[in-house]
PDB file of all heavy atoms in Angstrom:
ATOM      1  N   GLY A   1      25.989  79.246  87.246  1.00  0.00           N
ATOM      2  CA  GLY A   1      26.274  78.796  85.923  1.00  0.00           C
ATOM      3  C   GLY A   1      26.243  79.913  84.866  1.00  0.00           C
ATOM      4  O   GLY A   1      26.074  81.051  85.187  1.00  0.00           O
ATOM      5  N   SER A   2      26.415  79.447  83.608  1.00  0.00           N
ATOM      6  CA  SER A   2      26.544  80.420  82.495  1.00  0.00           C
ATOM      7  C   SER A   2      25.645  80.008  81.371  1.00  0.00           C
ATOM      8  O   SER A   2      25.326  78.798  81.200  1.00  0.00           O
ATOM      9  CB  SER A   2      27.963  80.522  81.934  1.00  0.00           C
ATOM     10  OG  SER A   2      28.872  81.021  82.943  1.00  0.00           O
ATOM     11  N   LEU A   3      25.179  80.914  80.617  1.00  0.00           N
ATOM     12  CA  LEU A   3      24.429  80.735  79.388  1.00  0.00           C
ATOM     13  C   LEU A   3      24.767  81.824  78.401  1.00  0.00           C
ATOM     14  O   LEU A   3      25.063  82.904  78.815  1.00  0.00           O
ATOM     15  CB  LEU A   3      22.844  80.751  79.568  1.00  0.00           C
ATOM     16  CG  LEU A   3      22.166  79.516  80.136  1.00  0.00           C
ATOM     17  CD1 LEU A   3      20.729  79.823  80.323  1.00  0.00           C
ATOM     18  CD2 LEU A   3      22.315  78.346  79.127  1.00  0.00           C
ATOM     19  N   ARG A   4      24.634  81.491  77.128  1.00  0.00           N
ATOM     20  CA  ARG A   4      24.723  82.555  76.125  1.00  0.00           C
ATOM     21  C   ARG A   4      23.539  82.648  75.224  1.00  0.00           C
ATOM     22  O   ARG A   4      23.098  81.594  74.617  1.00  0.00           O
ATOM     23  CB  ARG A   4      26.042  82.351  75.161  1.00  0.00           C
ATOM     24  CG  ARG A   4      26.351  83.523  74.243  1.00  0.00           C
ATOM     25  CD  ARG A   4      27.464  83.414  73.471  1.00  0.00           C
ATOM     26  NE  ARG A   4      27.319  82.652  72.261  1.00  0.00           N
ATOM     27  CZ  ARG A   4      27.974  82.911  71.060  1.00  0.00           C
ATOM     28  NH1 ARG A   4      28.882  83.798  71.033  1.00  0.00           N
ATOM     29  NH2 ARG A   4      27.811  82.138  70.038  1.00  0.00           N
ATOM     30  N   LEU A   5      22.883  83.738  75.220  1.00  0.00           N
ATOM     31  CA  LEU A   5      21.709  83.962  74.297  1.00  0.00           C
ATOM     32  C   LEU A   5      22.184  84.502  73.024  1.00  0.00           C
ATOM     33  O   LEU A   5      23.095  85.284  72.942  1.00  0.00           O
ATOM     34  CB  LEU A   5      20.728  84.843  75.040  1.00  0.00           C
ATOM     35  CG  LEU A   5      20.238  84.485  76.395  1.00  0.00           C
ATOM     36  CD1 LEU A   5      19.112  85.506  76.897  1.00  0.00           C
ATOM     37  CD2 LEU A   5      19.648  83.036  76.432  1.00  0.00           C
ATOM     38  N   SER A   6      21.530  84.132  71.964  1.00  0.00           N
ATOM     39  CA  SER A   6      21.774  84.696  70.610  1.00  0.00           C
ATOM     40  C   SER A   6      20.438  85.123  70.011  1.00  0.00           C
ATOM     41  O   SER A   6      19.338  84.680  70.385  1.00  0.00           O
ATOM     42  CB  SER A   6      22.302  83.567  69.687  1.00  0.00           C
ATOM     43  OG  SER A   6      23.499  83.049  70.264  1.00  0.00           O
ATOM     44  N   CYS A   7      20.575  86.160  69.143  1.00  0.00           N
ATOM     45  CA  CYS A   7      19.436  86.651  68.479  1.00  0.00           C
ATOM     46  C   CYS A   7      19.884  87.052  67.103  1.00  0.00           C
ATOM     47  O   CYS A   7      20.890  87.734  66.860  1.00  0.00           O
ATOM     48  CB  CYS A   7      18.971  88.026  69.171  1.00  0.00           C
ATOM     49  SG  CYS A   7      17.709  88.874  68.287  1.00  0.00           S
ATOM     50  N   VAL A   8      19.120  86.523  66.077  1.00  0.00           N
ATOM     51  CA  VAL A   8      19.409  86.900  64.753  1.00  0.00           C
ATOM     52  C   VAL A   8      18.304  87.684  64.195  1.00  0.00           C
ATOM     53  O   VAL A   8      17.121  87.554  64.498  1.00  0.00           O
ATOM     54  CB  VAL A   8      19.606  85.603  63.824  1.00  0.00           C
ATOM     55  CG1 VAL A   8      18.299  84.766  63.795  1.00  0.00           C
ATOM     56  CG2 VAL A   8      19.964  85.891  62.384  1.00  0.00           C
ATOM     57  N   ALA A   9      18.745  88.723  63.405  1.00  0.00           N
ATOM     58  CA  ALA A   9      17.740  89.690  62.884  1.00  0.00           C
ATOM     59  C   ALA A   9      17.785  89.611  61.397  1.00  0.00           C
ATOM     60  O   ALA A   9      18.721  89.553  60.691  1.00  0.00           O
ATOM     61  CB  ALA A   9      18.193  91.150  63.267  1.00  0.00           C
ATOM     62  N   SER A  10      16.539  89.705  60.830  1.00  0.00           N
ATOM     63  CA  SER A  10      16.364  89.896  59.378  1.00  0.00           C
ATOM     64  C   SER A  10      16.306  91.357  59.036  1.00  0.00           C
ATOM     65  O   SER A  10      16.160  92.231  59.937  1.00  0.00           O
ATOM     66  CB  SER A  10      15.054  89.189  58.966  1.00  0.00           C
ATOM     67  OG  SER A  10      13.960  89.864  59.441  1.00  0.00           O
ATOM     68  N   GLY A  11      16.447  91.606  57.707  1.00  0.00           N
ATOM     69  CA  GLY A  11      16.361  93.040  57.273  1.00  0.00           C
ATOM     70  C   GLY A  11      17.707  93.669  57.118  1.00  0.00           C
ATOM     71  O   GLY A  11      18.764  93.055  57.517  1.00  0.00           O
ATOM     72  N   SER A  12      17.794  94.815  56.620  1.00  0.00           N
ATOM     73  CA  SER A  12      18.960  95.491  56.260  1.00  0.00           C
ATOM     74  C   SER A  12      19.428  96.637  57.244  1.00  0.00           C
ATOM     75  O   SER A  12      20.377  97.313  56.883  1.00  0.00           O
ATOM     76  CB  SER A  12      18.855  96.075  54.842  1.00  0.00           C
ATOM     77  OG  SER A  12      17.791  97.025  54.855  1.00  0.00           O
ATOM     78  N   ILE A  13      18.745  96.747  58.293  1.00  0.00           N
ATOM     79  CA  ILE A  13      18.975  97.952  59.195  1.00  0.00           C
ATOM     80  C   ILE A  13      19.811  97.473  60.389  1.00  0.00           C
ATOM     81  O   ILE A  13      20.023  98.371  61.340  1.00  0.00           O
ATOM     82  CB  ILE A  13      17.702  98.732  59.584  1.00  0.00           C
ATOM     83  CG1 ILE A  13      16.722  97.816  60.358  1.00  0.00           C
ATOM     84  CG2 ILE A  13      17.057  99.335  58.348  1.00  0.00           C
ATOM     85  CD1 ILE A  13      15.605  98.460  60.951  1.00  0.00           C
ATOM     86  N   PHE A  14      20.142  96.301  60.516  1.00  0.00           N
ATOM     87  CA  PHE A  14      20.737  95.771  61.789  1.00  0.00           C
ATOM     88  C   PHE A  14      21.933  96.584  62.109  1.00  0.00           C
ATOM     89  O   PHE A  14      22.190  97.047  63.255  1.00  0.00           O
ATOM     90  CB  PHE A  14      21.122  94.288  61.627  1.00  0.00           C
ATOM     91  CG  PHE A  14      21.817  93.710  62.814  1.00  0.00           C
ATOM     92  CD1 PHE A  14      21.054  93.229  63.912  1.00  0.00           C
ATOM     93  CD2 PHE A  14      23.171  93.665  62.981  1.00  0.00           C
ATOM     94  CE1 PHE A  14      21.649  92.713  65.021  1.00  0.00           C
ATOM     95  CE2 PHE A  14      23.823  93.260  64.069  1.00  0.00           C
ATOM     96  CZ  PHE A  14      23.028  92.683  65.120  1.00  0.00           C
ATOM     97  N   SER A  15      22.907  96.759  61.198  1.00  0.00           N
ATOM     98  CA  SER A  15      24.153  97.422  61.566  1.00  0.00           C
ATOM     99  C   SER A  15      24.037  98.875  61.957  1.00  0.00           C
ATOM    100  O   SER A  15      24.981  99.362  62.566  1.00  0.00           O
ATOM    101  CB  SER A  15      25.153  97.316  60.368  1.00  0.00           C
ATOM    102  OG  SER A  15      24.648  98.044  59.258  1.00  0.00           O
ATOM    103  N   ILE A  16      22.887  99.481  61.666  1.00  0.00           N
ATOM    104  CA  ILE A  16      22.712 100.894  62.033  1.00  0.00           C
ATOM    105  C   ILE A  16      21.719 101.017  63.166  1.00  0.00           C
ATOM    106  O   ILE A  16      21.253 102.155  63.405  1.00  0.00           O
ATOM    107  CB  ILE A  16      22.309 101.739  60.812  1.00  0.00           C
ATOM    108  CG1 ILE A  16      21.051 101.225  60.153  1.00  0.00           C
ATOM    109  CG2 ILE A  16      23.471 101.798  59.796  1.00  0.00           C
ATOM    110  CD1 ILE A  16      20.522 102.147  59.040  1.00  0.00           C
ATOM    111  N   SER A  17      21.379  99.980  63.865  1.00  0.00           N
ATOM    112  CA  SER A  17      20.481  99.998  64.894  1.00  0.00           C
ATOM    113  C   SER A  17      21.092  99.787  66.249  1.00  0.00           C
ATOM    114  O   SER A  17      22.120  99.083  66.313  1.00  0.00           O
ATOM    115  CB  SER A  17      19.365  98.876  64.625  1.00  0.00           C
ATOM    116  OG  SER A  17      18.675  99.122  63.340  1.00  0.00           O
ATOM    117  N   THR A  18      20.381 100.207  67.228  1.00  0.00           N
ATOM    118  CA  THR A  18      20.710  99.802  68.668  1.00  0.00           C
ATOM    119  C   THR A  18      20.052  98.508  69.014  1.00  0.00           C
ATOM    120  O   THR A  18      18.811  98.330  68.727  1.00  0.00           O
ATOM    121  CB  THR A  18      20.380 100.964  69.636  1.00  0.00           C
ATOM    122  OG1 THR A  18      21.158 102.081  69.372  1.00  0.00           O
ATOM    123  CG2 THR A  18      20.545 100.467  71.124  1.00  0.00           C
ATOM    124  N   MET A  19      20.809  97.628  69.439  1.00  0.00           N
ATOM    125  CA  MET A  19      20.233  96.330  69.890  1.00  0.00           C
ATOM    126  C   MET A  19      20.279  96.165  71.386  1.00  0.00           C
ATOM    127  O   MET A  19      21.120  96.760  72.067  1.00  0.00           O
ATOM    128  CB  MET A  19      21.109  95.207  69.249  1.00  0.00           C
ATOM    129  CG  MET A  19      21.232  95.166  67.755  1.00  0.00           C
ATOM    130  SD  MET A  19      19.569  94.990  67.013  1.00  0.00           S
ATOM    131  CE  MET A  19      19.011  93.373  67.641  1.00  0.00           C
ATOM    132  N   GLY A  20      19.316  95.415  71.841  1.00  0.00           N
ATOM    133  CA  GLY A  20      19.223  95.241  73.317  1.00  0.00           C
ATOM    134  C   GLY A  20      18.639  93.966  73.686  1.00  0.00           C
ATOM    135  O   GLY A  20      17.967  93.216  72.892  1.00  0.00           O
ATOM    136  N   TRP A  21      18.765  93.631  74.995  1.00  0.00           N
ATOM    137  CA  TRP A  21      18.152  92.549  75.644  1.00  0.00           C
ATOM    138  C   TRP A  21      17.339  93.100  76.822  1.00  0.00           C
ATOM    139  O   TRP A  21      17.873  93.832  77.617  1.00  0.00           O
ATOM    140  CB  TRP A  21      19.234  91.545  76.147  1.00  0.00           C
ATOM    141  CG  TRP A  21      19.818  90.712  75.060  1.00  0.00           C
ATOM    142  CD1 TRP A  21      21.077  91.002  74.487  1.00  0.00           C
ATOM    143  CD2 TRP A  21      19.381  89.546  74.384  1.00  0.00           C
ATOM    144  NE1 TRP A  21      21.371  90.135  73.459  1.00  0.00           N
ATOM    145  CE2 TRP A  21      20.339  89.143  73.486  1.00  0.00           C
ATOM    146  CE3 TRP A  21      18.244  88.778  74.618  1.00  0.00           C
ATOM    147  CZ2 TRP A  21      20.164  87.996  72.719  1.00  0.00           C
ATOM    148  CZ3 TRP A  21      18.055  87.652  73.775  1.00  0.00           C
ATOM    149  CH2 TRP A  21      18.966  87.279  72.861  1.00  0.00           C
ATOM    150  N   PHE A  22      16.156  92.516  76.842  1.00  0.00           N
ATOM    151  CA  PHE A  22      15.230  92.938  78.026  1.00  0.00           C
ATOM    152  C   PHE A  22      14.803  91.619  78.619  1.00  0.00           C
ATOM    153  O   PHE A  22      14.889  90.566  77.992  1.00  0.00           O
ATOM    154  CB  PHE A  22      14.055  93.730  77.449  1.00  0.00           C
ATOM    155  CG  PHE A  22      14.341  95.100  77.069  1.00  0.00           C
ATOM    156  CD1 PHE A  22      15.129  95.397  75.899  1.00  0.00           C
ATOM    157  CD2 PHE A  22      13.957  96.235  77.811  1.00  0.00           C
ATOM    158  CE1 PHE A  22      15.462  96.654  75.510  1.00  0.00           C
ATOM    159  CE2 PHE A  22      14.245  97.535  77.422  1.00  0.00           C
ATOM    160  CZ  PHE A  22      14.942  97.679  76.307  1.00  0.00           C
ATOM    161  N   ARG A  23      14.233  91.665  79.796  1.00  0.00           N
ATOM    162  CA  ARG A  23      13.708  90.511  80.446  1.00  0.00           C
ATOM    163  C   ARG A  23      12.437  90.793  81.220  1.00  0.00           C
ATOM    164  O   ARG A  23      12.230  91.920  81.626  1.00  0.00           O
ATOM    165  CB  ARG A  23      14.740  89.740  81.361  1.00  0.00           C
ATOM    166  CG  ARG A  23      15.135  90.590  82.616  1.00  0.00           C
ATOM    167  CD  ARG A  23      16.215  89.931  83.315  1.00  0.00           C
ATOM    168  NE  ARG A  23      16.650  90.677  84.533  1.00  0.00           N
ATOM    169  CZ  ARG A  23      17.644  90.391  85.288  1.00  0.00           C
ATOM    170  NH1 ARG A  23      18.472  89.341  84.906  1.00  0.00           N
ATOM    171  NH2 ARG A  23      17.958  91.049  86.411  1.00  0.00           N
ATOM    172  N   GLN A  24      11.610  89.748  81.282  1.00  0.00           N
ATOM    173  CA  GLN A  24      10.292  89.865  82.005  1.00  0.00           C
ATOM    174  C   GLN A  24      10.150  88.643  82.943  1.00  0.00           C
ATOM    175  O   GLN A  24       9.946  87.504  82.447  1.00  0.00           O
ATOM    176  CB  GLN A  24       9.199  90.058  81.119  1.00  0.00           C
ATOM    177  CG  GLN A  24       7.905  90.471  81.809  1.00  0.00           C
ATOM    178  CD  GLN A  24       6.784  90.805  80.880  1.00  0.00           C
ATOM    179  OE1 GLN A  24       6.906  90.812  79.701  1.00  0.00           O
ATOM    180  NE2 GLN A  24       5.802  91.531  81.415  1.00  0.00           N
ATOM    181  N   ALA A  25      10.217  88.841  84.259  1.00  0.00           N
ATOM    182  CA  ALA A  25       9.952  87.732  85.165  1.00  0.00           C
ATOM    183  C   ALA A  25       8.464  87.763  85.422  1.00  0.00           C
ATOM    184  O   ALA A  25       7.721  88.652  85.208  1.00  0.00           O
ATOM    185  CB  ALA A  25      10.701  87.984  86.451  1.00  0.00           C
ATOM    186  N   SER A  26       8.007  86.546  85.889  1.00  0.00           N
ATOM    187  CA  SER A  26       6.534  86.299  86.017  1.00  0.00           C
ATOM    188  C   SER A  26       6.011  87.400  87.042  1.00  0.00           C
ATOM    189  O   SER A  26       6.596  87.543  88.131  1.00  0.00           O
ATOM    190  CB  SER A  26       6.280  84.951  86.576  1.00  0.00           C
ATOM    191  OG  SER A  26       4.965  84.721  86.837  1.00  0.00           O
ATOM    192  N   GLY A  27       5.000  88.045  86.660  1.00  0.00           N
ATOM    193  CA  GLY A  27       4.401  89.132  87.503  1.00  0.00           C
ATOM    194  C   GLY A  27       5.006  90.426  87.561  1.00  0.00           C
ATOM    195  O   GLY A  27       4.610  91.331  88.215  1.00  0.00           O
ATOM    196  N   ASN A  28       6.124  90.571  86.720  1.00  0.00           N
ATOM    197  CA  ASN A  28       6.871  91.821  86.736  1.00  0.00           C
ATOM    198  C   ASN A  28       6.788  92.476  85.397  1.00  0.00           C
ATOM    199  O   ASN A  28       6.363  91.879  84.376  1.00  0.00           O
ATOM    200  CB  ASN A  28       8.377  91.529  87.036  1.00  0.00           C
ATOM    201  CG  ASN A  28       8.537  91.209  88.479  1.00  0.00           C
ATOM    202  OD1 ASN A  28       7.664  91.140  89.335  1.00  0.00           O
ATOM    203  ND2 ASN A  28       9.850  90.941  88.901  1.00  0.00           N
ATOM    204  N   GLN A  29       7.145  93.749  85.409  1.00  0.00           N
ATOM    205  CA  GLN A  29       7.248  94.471  84.136  1.00  0.00           C
ATOM    206  C   GLN A  29       8.508  94.087  83.345  1.00  0.00           C
ATOM    207  O   GLN A  29       9.517  93.622  83.903  1.00  0.00           O
ATOM    208  CB  GLN A  29       7.182  96.009  84.294  1.00  0.00           C
ATOM    209  CG  GLN A  29       5.826  96.518  84.799  1.00  0.00           C
ATOM    210  CD  GLN A  29       5.808  98.026  84.873  1.00  0.00           C
ATOM    211  OE1 GLN A  29       6.860  98.605  85.067  1.00  0.00           O
ATOM    212  NE2 GLN A  29       4.679  98.648  84.740  1.00  0.00           N
ATOM    213  N   ARG A  30       8.517  94.259  82.102  1.00  0.00           N
ATOM    214  CA  ARG A  30       9.775  94.032  81.274  1.00  0.00           C
ATOM    215  C   ARG A  30      10.732  95.064  81.624  1.00  0.00           C
ATOM    216  O   ARG A  30      10.444  96.311  81.739  1.00  0.00           O
ATOM    217  CB  ARG A  30       9.383  94.141  79.742  1.00  0.00           C
ATOM    218  CG  ARG A  30      10.397  93.587  78.803  1.00  0.00           C
ATOM    219  CD  ARG A  30       9.980  93.575  77.400  1.00  0.00           C
ATOM    220  NE  ARG A  30       8.878  92.623  77.254  1.00  0.00           N
ATOM    221  CZ  ARG A  30       8.356  92.251  76.060  1.00  0.00           C
ATOM    222  NH1 ARG A  30       8.930  92.705  74.963  1.00  0.00           N
ATOM    223  NH2 ARG A  30       7.395  91.387  75.970  1.00  0.00           N
ATOM    224  N   GLU A  31      11.977  94.662  81.695  1.00  0.00           N
ATOM    225  CA  GLU A  31      12.968  95.616  82.114  1.00  0.00           C
ATOM    226  C   GLU A  31      14.269  95.429  81.267  1.00  0.00           C
ATOM    227  O   GLU A  31      14.468  94.366  80.650  1.00  0.00           O
ATOM    228  CB  GLU A  31      13.515  95.290  83.647  1.00  0.00           C
ATOM    229  CG  GLU A  31      14.070  93.930  83.889  1.00  0.00           C
ATOM    230  CD  GLU A  31      14.566  93.694  85.269  1.00  0.00           C
ATOM    231  OE1 GLU A  31      14.238  94.561  86.166  1.00  0.00           O
ATOM    232  OE2 GLU A  31      15.187  92.724  85.628  1.00  0.00           O
ATOM    233  N   LEU A  32      15.039  96.542  81.197  1.00  0.00           N
ATOM    234  CA  LEU A  32      16.171  96.572  80.447  1.00  0.00           C
ATOM    235  C   LEU A  32      17.328  95.645  81.056  1.00  0.00           C
ATOM    236  O   LEU A  32      17.504  95.728  82.332  1.00  0.00           O
ATOM    237  CB  LEU A  32      16.686  97.939  80.310  1.00  0.00           C
ATOM    238  CG  LEU A  32      18.144  98.195  79.739  1.00  0.00           C
ATOM    239  CD1 LEU A  32      18.145  97.842  78.208  1.00  0.00           C
ATOM    240  CD2 LEU A  32      18.676  99.545  80.043  1.00  0.00           C
ATOM    241  N   VAL A  33      18.008  94.867  80.212  1.00  0.00           N
ATOM    242  CA  VAL A  33      19.142  94.151  80.714  1.00  0.00           C
ATOM    243  C   VAL A  33      20.466  94.795  80.217  1.00  0.00           C
ATOM    244  O   VAL A  33      21.342  95.184  80.990  1.00  0.00           O
ATOM    245  CB  VAL A  33      19.120  92.650  80.313  1.00  0.00           C
ATOM    246  CG1 VAL A  33      20.422  91.955  80.685  1.00  0.00           C
ATOM    247  CG2 VAL A  33      17.881  92.028  80.813  1.00  0.00           C
ATOM    248  N   ALA A  34      20.455  95.013  78.842  1.00  0.00           N
ATOM    249  CA  ALA A  34      21.717  95.540  78.294  1.00  0.00           C
ATOM    250  C   ALA A  34      21.341  96.058  76.883  1.00  0.00           C
ATOM    251  O   ALA A  34      20.471  95.512  76.209  1.00  0.00           O
ATOM    252  CB  ALA A  34      22.806  94.548  78.209  1.00  0.00           C
ATOM    253  N   THR A  35      22.129  97.062  76.425  1.00  0.00           N
ATOM    254  CA  THR A  35      21.957  97.563  75.061  1.00  0.00           C
ATOM    255  C   THR A  35      23.440  97.678  74.484  1.00  0.00           C
ATOM    256  O   THR A  35      24.397  97.944  75.167  1.00  0.00           O
ATOM    257  CB  THR A  35      21.170  98.885  74.966  1.00  0.00           C
ATOM    258  OG1 THR A  35      21.874  99.842  75.677  1.00  0.00           O
ATOM    259  CG2 THR A  35      19.867  98.704  75.468  1.00  0.00           C
ATOM    260  N   ILE A  36      23.389  97.766  73.129  1.00  0.00           N
ATOM    261  CA  ILE A  36      24.668  98.020  72.420  1.00  0.00           C
ATOM    262  C   ILE A  36      24.270  98.883  71.178  1.00  0.00           C
ATOM    263  O   ILE A  36      23.454  98.387  70.433  1.00  0.00           O
ATOM    264  CB  ILE A  36      25.450  96.731  72.072  1.00  0.00           C
ATOM    265  CG1 ILE A  36      26.748  97.048  71.420  1.00  0.00           C
ATOM    266  CG2 ILE A  36      24.610  95.797  71.195  1.00  0.00           C
ATOM    267  CD1 ILE A  36      27.692  95.887  71.325  1.00  0.00           C
TER     268      ILE A  36
END
């Protein structure tokens, strides 16, 4: 299946920042998924 995650940011630095998604499965370390 498919899902779409969304994230809204407050503040004025969003457009000049690198954004990313990370994930953490139970018992595991947080890992990079994707960045832009």
